[in-house]
Structures are given as structure tokens and as C-alpha cells.
PDB file of all heavy atoms in Angstrom:
ATOM      1  N   LYS A   1      68.461 231.388  82.357  1.00  0.00           N
ATOM      2  CA  LYS A   1      68.262 229.996  81.942  1.00  0.00           C
ATOM      3  C   LYS A   1      68.728 229.777  80.502  1.00  0.00           C
ATOM      4  O   LYS A   1      69.175 228.690  80.154  1.00  0.00           O
ATOM      5  CB  LYS A   1      66.783 229.625  82.081  1.00  0.00           C
ATOM      6  CG  LYS A   1      66.498 228.159  81.884  1.00  0.00           C
ATOM      7  CD  LYS A   1      65.081 227.808  82.268  1.00  0.00           C
ATOM      8  CE  LYS A   1      64.159 228.101  81.115  1.00  0.00           C
ATOM      9  NZ  LYS A   1      62.773 227.667  81.365  1.00  0.00           N
ATOM     10  N   HIS A   2      68.634 230.808  79.672  1.00  0.00           N
ATOM     11  CA  HIS A   2      69.053 230.695  78.267  1.00  0.00           C
ATOM     12  C   HIS A   2      70.487 231.156  78.043  1.00  0.00           C
ATOM     13  O   HIS A   2      70.897 231.412  76.908  1.00  0.00           O
ATOM     14  CB  HIS A   2      68.080 231.461  77.370  1.00  0.00           C
ATOM     15  CG  HIS A   2      66.790 230.746  77.200  1.00  0.00           C
ATOM     16  ND1 HIS A   2      65.735 230.892  78.063  1.00  0.00           N
ATOM     17  CD2 HIS A   2      66.393 229.839  76.272  1.00  0.00           C
ATOM     18  CE1 HIS A   2      64.742 230.116  77.682  1.00  0.00           C
ATOM     19  NE2 HIS A   2      65.110 229.463  76.601  1.00  0.00           N
ATOM     20  N   GLY A   3      71.251 231.292  79.113  1.00  0.00           N
ATOM     21  CA  GLY A   3      72.682 231.536  78.971  1.00  0.00           C
ATOM     22  C   GLY A   3      73.124 232.975  79.097  1.00  0.00           C
ATOM     23  O   GLY A   3      74.311 233.269  78.994  1.00  0.00           O
ATOM     24  N   ALA A   4      72.228 233.909  79.311  1.00  0.00           N
ATOM     25  CA  ALA A   4      72.610 235.318  79.429  1.00  0.00           C
ATOM     26  C   ALA A   4      72.844 235.679  80.897  1.00  0.00           C
ATOM     27  O   ALA A   4      72.341 235.015  81.803  1.00  0.00           O
ATOM     28  CB  ALA A   4      71.522 236.208  78.853  1.00  0.00           C
ATOM     29  N   ARG A   5      73.598 236.726  81.101  1.00  0.00           N
ATOM     30  CA  ARG A   5      73.823 237.236  82.452  1.00  0.00           C
ATOM     31  C   ARG A   5      73.294 238.660  82.504  1.00  0.00           C
ATOM     32  O   ARG A   5      73.759 239.522  81.759  1.00  0.00           O
ATOM     33  CB  ARG A   5      75.307 237.210  82.770  1.00  0.00           C
ATOM     34  CG  ARG A   5      75.610 237.468  84.234  1.00  0.00           C
ATOM     35  CD  ARG A   5      77.066 237.347  84.475  1.00  0.00           C
ATOM     36  NE  ARG A   5      77.682 238.536  83.867  1.00  0.00           N
ATOM     37  CZ  ARG A   5      78.860 239.000  84.195  1.00  0.00           C
ATOM     38  NH1 ARG A   5      79.590 238.365  85.065  1.00  0.00           N
ATOM     39  NH2 ARG A   5      79.346 240.073  83.627  1.00  0.00           N
ATOM     40  N   VAL A   6      72.311 238.918  83.362  1.00  0.00           N
ATOM     41  CA  VAL A   6      71.688 240.239  83.461  1.00  0.00           C
ATOM     42  C   VAL A   6      72.596 241.133  84.296  1.00  0.00           C
ATOM     43  O   VAL A   6      72.845 240.858  85.470  1.00  0.00           O
ATOM     44  CB  VAL A   6      70.277 240.144  84.082  1.00  0.00           C
ATOM     45  CG1 VAL A   6      69.669 241.531  84.224  1.00  0.00           C
ATOM     46  CG2 VAL A   6      69.386 239.253  83.230  1.00  0.00           C
ATOM     47  N   VAL A   7      73.090 242.221  83.676  1.00  0.00           N
ATOM     48  CA  VAL A   7      73.997 243.137  84.375  1.00  0.00           C
ATOM     49  C   VAL A   7      73.332 244.462  84.721  1.00  0.00           C
ATOM     50  O   VAL A   7      73.924 245.291  85.396  1.00  0.00           O
ATOM     51  CB  VAL A   7      75.283 243.389  83.545  1.00  0.00           C
ATOM     52  CG1 VAL A   7      76.080 242.102  83.408  1.00  0.00           C
ATOM     53  CG2 VAL A   7      74.950 243.966  82.181  1.00  0.00           C
ATOM     54  N   GLY A   8      72.107 244.677  84.256  1.00  0.00           N
ATOM     55  CA  GLY A   8      71.395 245.904  84.572  1.00  0.00           C
ATOM     56  C   GLY A   8      69.939 245.802  84.172  1.00  0.00           C
ATOM     57  O   GLY A   8      69.559 244.952  83.361  1.00  0.00           O
ATOM     58  N   ARG A   9      69.121 246.675  84.785  1.00  0.00           N
ATOM     59  CA  ARG A   9      67.682 246.677  84.496  1.00  0.00           C
ATOM     60  C   ARG A   9      67.200 248.113  84.334  1.00  0.00           C
ATOM     61  O   ARG A   9      67.605 248.996  85.077  1.00  0.00           O
ATOM     62  CB  ARG A   9      66.892 246.043  85.633  1.00  0.00           C
ATOM     63  CG  ARG A   9      67.195 244.596  85.858  1.00  0.00           C
ATOM     64  CD  ARG A   9      66.413 244.075  87.028  1.00  0.00           C
ATOM     65  NE  ARG A   9      66.772 242.702  87.308  1.00  0.00           N
ATOM     66  CZ  ARG A   9      66.031 241.896  88.009  1.00  0.00           C
ATOM     67  NH1 ARG A   9      64.882 242.296  88.516  1.00  0.00           N
ATOM     68  NH2 ARG A   9      66.415 240.655  88.228  1.00  0.00           N
ATOM     69  N   ILE A  10      66.310 248.307  83.364  1.00  0.00           N
ATOM     70  CA  ILE A  10      65.669 249.597  83.128  1.00  0.00           C
ATOM     71  C   ILE A  10      64.176 249.339  82.984  1.00  0.00           C
ATOM     72  O   ILE A  10      63.773 248.410  82.293  1.00  0.00           O
ATOM     73  CB  ILE A  10      66.190 250.270  81.828  1.00  0.00           C
ATOM     74  CG1 ILE A  10      67.674 250.593  81.933  1.00  0.00           C
ATOM     75  CG2 ILE A  10      65.383 251.496  81.483  1.00  0.00           C
ATOM     76  CD1 ILE A  10      68.005 251.859  82.670  1.00  0.00           C
ATOM     77  N   VAL A  11      63.357 250.189  83.621  1.00  0.00           N
ATOM     78  CA  VAL A  11      61.906 250.058  83.522  1.00  0.00           C
ATOM     79  C   VAL A  11      61.327 251.365  83.003  1.00  0.00           C
ATOM     80  O   VAL A  11      61.643 252.433  83.519  1.00  0.00           O
ATOM     81  CB  VAL A  11      61.280 249.720  84.898  1.00  0.00           C
ATOM     82  CG1 VAL A  11      59.770 249.748  84.823  1.00  0.00           C
ATOM     83  CG2 VAL A  11      61.765 248.372  85.380  1.00  0.00           C
ATOM     84  N   GLN A  12      60.494 251.273  81.977  1.00  0.00           N
ATOM     85  CA  GLN A  12      59.735 252.417  81.449  1.00  0.00           C
ATOM     86  C   GLN A  12      58.290 252.164  81.811  1.00  0.00           C
ATOM     87  O   GLN A  12      57.722 251.151  81.434  1.00  0.00           O
ATOM     88  CB  GLN A  12      59.877 252.501  79.928  1.00  0.00           C
ATOM     89  CG  GLN A  12      58.980 253.519  79.265  1.00  0.00           C
ATOM     90  CD  GLN A  12      59.525 254.923  79.349  1.00  0.00           C
ATOM     91  OE1 GLN A  12      60.546 255.205  78.765  1.00  0.00           O
ATOM     92  NE2 GLN A  12      58.859 255.791  80.073  1.00  0.00           N
ATOM     93  N   ARG A  13      57.695 253.081  82.581  1.00  0.00           N
ATOM     94  CA  ARG A  13      56.289 252.936  82.967  1.00  0.00           C
ATOM     95  C   ARG A  13      55.476 253.988  82.253  1.00  0.00           C
ATOM     96  O   ARG A  13      55.890 255.113  82.106  1.00  0.00           O
ATOM     97  CB  ARG A  13      56.154 253.068  84.473  1.00  0.00           C
ATOM     98  CG  ARG A  13      56.959 251.957  85.132  1.00  0.00           C
ATOM     99  CD  ARG A  13      56.614 251.654  86.526  1.00  0.00           C
ATOM    100  NE  ARG A  13      55.233 251.307  86.694  1.00  0.00           N
ATOM    101  CZ  ARG A  13      54.575 251.555  87.810  1.00  0.00           C
ATOM    102  NH1 ARG A  13      55.163 252.135  88.813  1.00  0.00           N
ATOM    103  NH2 ARG A  13      53.318 251.208  87.925  1.00  0.00           N
ATOM    104  N   ARG A  14      54.284 253.597  81.839  1.00  0.00           N
ATOM    105  CA  ARG A  14      53.396 254.481  81.099  1.00  0.00           C
ATOM    106  C   ARG A  14      52.068 254.584  81.815  1.00  0.00           C
ATOM    107  O   ARG A  14      51.544 253.591  82.274  1.00  0.00           O
ATOM    108  CB  ARG A  14      53.165 253.917  79.697  1.00  0.00           C
ATOM    109  CG  ARG A  14      52.282 254.747  78.806  1.00  0.00           C
ATOM    110  CD  ARG A  14      53.067 255.942  78.314  1.00  0.00           C
ATOM    111  NE  ARG A  14      52.259 256.888  77.598  1.00  0.00           N
ATOM    112  CZ  ARG A  14      52.309 257.060  76.297  1.00  0.00           C
ATOM    113  NH1 ARG A  14      53.086 256.320  75.564  1.00  0.00           N
ATOM    114  NH2 ARG A  14      51.587 257.998  75.748  1.00  0.00           N
ATOM    115  N   GLY A  15      51.544 255.783  81.923  1.00  0.00           N
ATOM    116  CA  GLY A  15      50.233 255.960  82.507  1.00  0.00           C
ATOM    117  C   GLY A  15      50.254 256.292  83.974  1.00  0.00           C
ATOM    118  O   GLY A  15      49.243 256.182  84.648  1.00  0.00           O
ATOM    119  N   VAL A  16      51.409 256.687  84.498  1.00  0.00           N
ATOM    120  CA  VAL A  16      51.500 257.043  85.902  1.00  0.00           C
ATOM    121  C   VAL A  16      50.825 258.389  86.133  1.00  0.00           C
ATOM    122  O   VAL A  16      50.124 258.591  87.104  1.00  0.00           O
ATOM    123  CB  VAL A  16      52.971 257.070  86.363  1.00  0.00           C
ATOM    124  CG1 VAL A  16      53.081 257.497  87.808  1.00  0.00           C
ATOM    125  CG2 VAL A  16      53.595 255.699  86.155  1.00  0.00           C
ATOM    126  N   SER A  17      51.000 259.321  85.203  1.00  0.00           N
ATOM    127  CA  SER A  17      50.366 260.634  85.315  1.00  0.00           C
ATOM    128  C   SER A  17      48.977 260.590  84.683  1.00  0.00           C
ATOM    129  O   SER A  17      48.619 259.651  83.974  1.00  0.00           O
ATOM    130  CB  SER A  17      51.214 261.689  84.600  1.00  0.00           C
ATOM    131  OG  SER A  17      51.206 261.437  83.216  1.00  0.00           O
ATOM    132  N   ALA A  18      48.185 261.641  84.914  1.00  0.00           N
ATOM    133  CA  ALA A  18      46.832 261.705  84.351  1.00  0.00           C
ATOM    134  C   ALA A  18      46.871 261.733  82.826  1.00  0.00           C
ATOM    135  O   ALA A  18      46.053 261.108  82.159  1.00  0.00           O
ATOM    136  CB  ALA A  18      46.099 262.924  84.884  1.00  0.00           C
ATOM    137  N   GLY A  19      47.826 262.460  82.246  1.00  0.00           N
ATOM    138  CA  GLY A  19      47.927 262.540  80.784  1.00  0.00           C
ATOM    139  C   GLY A  19      48.329 261.219  80.166  1.00  0.00           C
ATOM    140  O   GLY A  19      47.861 260.847  79.092  1.00  0.00           O
ATOM    141  N   GLY A  20      49.207 260.479  80.845  1.00  0.00           N
ATOM    142  CA  GLY A  20      49.668 259.206  80.317  1.00  0.00           C
ATOM    143  C   GLY A  20      48.649 258.097  80.459  1.00  0.00           C
ATOM    144  O   GLY A  20      48.682 257.110  79.735  1.00  0.00           O
ATOM    145  N   ALA A  21      47.707 258.247  81.409  1.00  0.00           N
ATOM    146  CA  ALA A  21      46.712 257.192  81.638  1.00  0.00           C
ATOM    147  C   ALA A  21      45.819 256.975  80.427  1.00  0.00           C
ATOM    148  O   ALA A  21      45.384 255.864  80.162  1.00  0.00           O
ATOM    149  CB  ALA A  21      45.853 257.541  82.855  1.00  0.00           C
ATOM    150  N   ARG A  22      45.560 258.028  79.657  1.00  0.00           N
ATOM    151  CA  ARG A  22      44.716 257.891  78.469  1.00  0.00           C
ATOM    152  C   ARG A  22      45.436 257.151  77.347  1.00  0.00           C
ATOM    153  O   ARG A  22      44.807 256.605  76.456  1.00  0.00           O
ATOM    154  CB  ARG A  22      44.291 259.271  77.980  1.00  0.00           C
ATOM    155  CG  ARG A  22      43.278 259.950  78.874  1.00  0.00           C
ATOM    156  CD  ARG A  22      42.781 261.217  78.231  1.00  0.00           C
ATOM    157  NE  ARG A  22      43.865 262.161  77.979  1.00  0.00           N
ATOM    158  CZ  ARG A  22      44.214 263.155  78.806  1.00  0.00           C
ATOM    159  NH1 ARG A  22      43.553 263.333  79.921  1.00  0.00           N
ATOM    160  NH2 ARG A  22      45.202 263.963  78.508  1.00  0.00           N
ATOM    161  N   LYS A  23      46.760 257.150  77.376  1.00  0.00           N
ATOM    162  CA  LYS A  23      47.538 256.556  76.287  1.00  0.00           C
ATOM    163  C   LYS A  23      48.294 255.306  76.728  1.00  0.00           C
ATOM    164  O   LYS A  23      49.282 254.943  76.124  1.00  0.00           O
ATOM    165  CB  LYS A  23      48.541 257.591  75.783  1.00  0.00           C
ATOM    166  CG  LYS A  23      47.917 258.859  75.298  1.00  0.00           C
ATOM    167  CD  LYS A  23      48.988 259.847  74.911  1.00  0.00           C
ATOM    168  CE  LYS A  23      48.403 261.171  74.513  1.00  0.00           C
ATOM    169  NZ  LYS A  23      49.438 262.150  74.230  1.00  0.00           N
ATOM    170  N   MET A  24      47.831 254.663  77.777  1.00  0.00           N
ATOM    171  CA  MET A  24      48.571 253.560  78.375  1.00  0.00           C
ATOM    172  C   MET A  24      48.899 252.419  77.431  1.00  0.00           C
ATOM    173  O   MET A  24      49.952 251.822  77.517  1.00  0.00           O
ATOM    174  CB  MET A  24      47.802 252.999  79.565  1.00  0.00           C
ATOM    175  CG  MET A  24      48.289 253.551  80.842  1.00  0.00           C
ATOM    176  SD  MET A  24      47.599 252.665  82.197  1.00  0.00           S
ATOM    177  CE  MET A  24      46.117 253.575  82.458  1.00  0.00           C
ATOM    178  N   ALA A  25      48.006 252.074  76.556  1.00  0.00           N
ATOM    179  CA  ALA A  25      48.228 250.919  75.684  1.00  0.00           C
ATOM    180  C   ALA A  25      49.199 251.224  74.549  1.00  0.00           C
ATOM    181  O   ALA A  25      49.683 250.314  73.888  1.00  0.00           O
ATOM    182  CB  ALA A  25      46.901 250.445  75.101  1.00  0.00           C
ATOM    183  N   LEU A  26      49.508 252.487  74.322  1.00  0.00           N
ATOM    184  CA  LEU A  26      50.381 252.879  73.221  1.00  0.00           C
ATOM    185  C   LEU A  26      51.830 253.006  73.686  1.00  0.00           C
ATOM    186  O   LEU A  26      52.081 253.417  74.816  1.00  0.00           O
ATOM    187  CB  LEU A  26      49.925 254.228  72.655  1.00  0.00           C
ATOM    188  CG  LEU A  26      48.481 254.307  72.168  1.00  0.00           C
ATOM    189  CD1 LEU A  26      48.143 255.739  71.795  1.00  0.00           C
ATOM    190  CD2 LEU A  26      48.277 253.383  70.997  1.00  0.00           C
ATOM    191  N   PRO A  27      52.790 252.692  72.829  1.00  0.00           N
ATOM    192  CA  PRO A  27      54.182 252.932  73.196  1.00  0.00           C
ATOM    193  C   PRO A  27      54.472 254.433  73.173  1.00  0.00           C
ATOM    194  O   PRO A  27      53.746 255.206  72.555  1.00  0.00           O
ATOM    195  CB  PRO A  27      54.967 252.201  72.102  1.00  0.00           C
ATOM    196  CG  PRO A  27      54.031 252.135  70.959  1.00  0.00           C
ATOM    197  CD  PRO A  27      52.646 252.076  71.533  1.00  0.00           C
ATOM    198  N   TYR A  28      55.519 254.850  73.864  1.00  0.00           N
ATOM    199  CA  TYR A  28      55.907 256.248  73.814  1.00  0.00           C
ATOM    200  C   TYR A  28      56.249 256.651  72.385  1.00  0.00           C
ATOM    201  O   TYR A  28      55.943 257.730  71.946  1.00  0.00           O
ATOM    202  CB  TYR A  28      57.124 256.512  74.708  1.00  0.00           C
ATOM    203  CG  TYR A  28      56.740 256.866  76.113  1.00  0.00           C
ATOM    204  CD1 TYR A  28      56.791 255.934  77.122  1.00  0.00           C
ATOM    205  CD2 TYR A  28      56.315 258.141  76.423  1.00  0.00           C
ATOM    206  CE1 TYR A  28      56.439 256.258  78.413  1.00  0.00           C
ATOM    207  CE2 TYR A  28      55.955 258.476  77.713  1.00  0.00           C
ATOM    208  CZ  TYR A  28      56.015 257.529  78.701  1.00  0.00           C
ATOM    209  OH  TYR A  28      55.661 257.854  79.970  1.00  0.00           O
ATOM    210  N   SER A  29      56.922 255.772  71.684  1.00  0.00           N
ATOM    211  CA  SER A  29      57.331 256.052  70.317  1.00  0.00           C
ATOM    212  C   SER A  29      57.196 254.773  69.497  1.00  0.00           C
ATOM    213  O   SER A  29      57.656 253.720  69.930  1.00  0.00           O
ATOM    214  CB  SER A  29      58.786 256.526  70.309  1.00  0.00           C
ATOM    215  OG  SER A  29      59.324 256.478  69.019  1.00  0.00           O
TER     216      SER A  29
END
């Protein structure tokens, strides 16, 4: 709608594993 054309998508998910679930609200870096 704002004039861009999406040519690809990347998704980073956090908290899928048991170790990541405790840090879900934090970015990886």
C-alpha cells in the first residue's frame, strides 16, 4: 500500500525450544 514490492520473507522465531522460552521477550542480539 505504501509503494513497496515484497520480493522475499524471512521469519525469526524465539522461544520454540525450552531454552529459548525463558528468553522470549528478549531479542537474540
